[in-house]
């Protein structure tokens, strides 16, 4: 359509980064915000009280299915969708899968 212009609403993509209070998770969250993403991250209580501009902080217990489901719903309720998920939260353990007790395999 020659001569016709369409103005589309600009909607920033939404990212959710778990394990973002420090290290790779934090740097990933900062890079996504710098790239124009909006979104949230999970972190301990002190992050909730002292959030970083451009990012919301949500509580999450990564070993609780109920907590994970609630976090996803909170982000969708706030932003309407999740475009990118970076899952950096977790625990470390040493040993092979065969040697890891079932209670540690979540």
Protein backbone atom coordinates (compact mmCIF):
# COMPACT_ATOMS: atom_id res chain seq x y z
CA UNK A 1 0.00 0.00 0.00
CA UNK A 2 1.90 2.92 -1.29
CA UNK A 3 1.74 6.09 0.77
CA UNK A 4 0.07 4.41 3.75
CA UNK A 5 1.92 4.16 7.01
CA UNK A 6 0.98 1.98 9.90
CA UNK A 7 1.92 2.87 13.44
CA UNK A 8 2.24 -0.25 15.49
CA UNK A 9 2.28 0.01 19.27
CA UNK A 10 5.75 -0.50 20.66
CA UNK A 11 5.64 -3.18 23.30
CA UNK A 12 8.90 -3.95 24.99
CA UNK A 13 9.56 -7.68 25.31
CA UNK A 14 9.35 -9.22 28.76
CA UNK A 15 12.10 -11.27 30.40
CA UNK A 16 12.13 -13.25 33.64
CA UNK A 17 15.53 -14.08 35.12
CA UNK A 18 15.76 -16.41 38.09
CA UNK A 19 18.86 -16.49 40.26
CA UNK A 20 19.61 -12.84 39.54
CA UNK A 21 20.87 -11.40 42.84
CA UNK A 22 24.49 -11.83 41.74
CA UNK A 23 26.84 -13.31 39.18
CA UNK A 24 25.73 -14.42 35.74
CA UNK A 25 22.03 -14.05 36.58
CA UNK A 26 22.49 -10.43 37.68
CA UNK A 27 24.59 -9.54 34.63
CA UNK A 28 22.09 -11.24 32.34
CA UNK A 29 19.22 -9.25 33.89
CA UNK A 30 21.17 -6.00 33.50
CA UNK A 31 22.01 -6.79 29.87
CA UNK A 32 18.36 -7.55 29.07
CA UNK A 33 17.20 -4.27 30.62
CA UNK A 34 19.91 -2.41 28.67
CA UNK A 35 18.67 -4.11 25.49
CA UNK A 36 15.15 -2.77 26.09
CA UNK A 37 13.49 -5.64 27.90
CA UNK A 38 11.12 -5.08 30.77
CA UNK A 39 10.62 -7.69 33.38
CA UNK A 40 11.47 -9.18 36.67
CA UNK A 41 13.87 -11.30 38.55
CA UNK A 42 13.69 -13.32 41.68
CA UNK A 43 15.93 -12.73 44.62
CA UNK A 44 16.16 -12.66 48.38
CA UNK A 45 14.19 -10.22 50.52
CA UNK A 46 16.83 -7.47 50.50
CA UNK A 47 16.37 -7.12 46.74
CA UNK A 48 12.64 -6.68 47.22
CA UNK A 49 13.29 -3.82 49.64
CA UNK A 50 15.98 -2.23 47.41
CA UNK A 51 14.98 -2.89 43.78
CA UNK A 52 17.06 -1.89 40.79
CA UNK A 53 15.44 0.60 38.37
CA UNK A 54 13.97 -1.13 35.33
CA UNK A 55 13.47 -4.43 37.08
CA UNK A 56 10.85 -5.78 39.43
CA UNK A 57 11.87 -8.32 42.04
CA UNK A 58 9.65 -11.27 42.92
CA UNK A 59 9.92 -13.86 45.66
CA UNK A 60 10.49 -17.43 44.54
CA UNK A 61 11.20 -20.77 46.20
CA UNK A 62 12.64 -22.79 43.31
CA UNK A 63 11.91 -26.12 44.99
CA UNK A 64 8.19 -25.34 45.33
CA UNK A 65 5.96 -25.97 42.31
CA UNK A 66 3.34 -23.71 43.91
CA UNK A 67 5.87 -20.86 44.23
CA UNK A 68 7.07 -21.26 40.63
CA UNK A 69 3.50 -21.28 39.33
CA UNK A 70 2.68 -18.18 41.40
CA UNK A 71 5.75 -16.33 40.07
CA UNK A 72 4.88 -17.06 36.46
CA UNK A 73 1.32 -15.88 37.06
CA UNK A 74 2.53 -12.67 38.78
CA UNK A 75 4.77 -11.81 35.83
CA UNK A 76 2.02 -12.55 33.30
CA UNK A 77 -0.49 -10.53 35.34
CA UNK A 78 1.90 -7.57 35.46
CA UNK A 79 3.32 -7.65 31.91
CA UNK A 80 0.85 -9.75 29.93
CA UNK A 81 3.40 -12.33 28.82
CA UNK A 82 6.89 -13.77 29.22
CA UNK A 83 9.02 -13.62 26.07
CA UNK A 84 12.34 -14.79 27.54
CA UNK A 85 13.02 -17.01 30.55
CA UNK A 86 16.56 -17.31 31.90
CA UNK A 87 16.65 -19.95 34.62
CA UNK A 88 19.78 -19.40 36.70
CA UNK A 89 18.41 -20.32 40.14
CA UNK A 90 19.42 -23.56 41.73
CA UNK A 91 21.73 -25.38 44.02
CA UNK A 92 25.06 -27.04 43.42
CA UNK A 93 25.93 -30.60 44.21
CA UNK A 94 28.92 -32.75 43.49
CA UNK A 95 28.57 -36.28 42.20
CA UNK A 96 27.11 -38.25 39.35
CA UNK A 97 23.38 -38.50 38.74
CA UNK A 98 23.49 -42.11 39.91
CA UNK A 99 25.02 -41.04 43.26
CA UNK A 100 22.65 -38.12 43.88
CA UNK A 101 19.83 -38.92 46.31
CA UNK A 102 16.30 -38.46 44.99
CA UNK A 103 15.68 -35.78 47.61
CA UNK A 104 18.28 -33.60 45.85
CA UNK A 105 16.94 -34.20 42.34
CA UNK A 106 14.29 -31.55 41.93
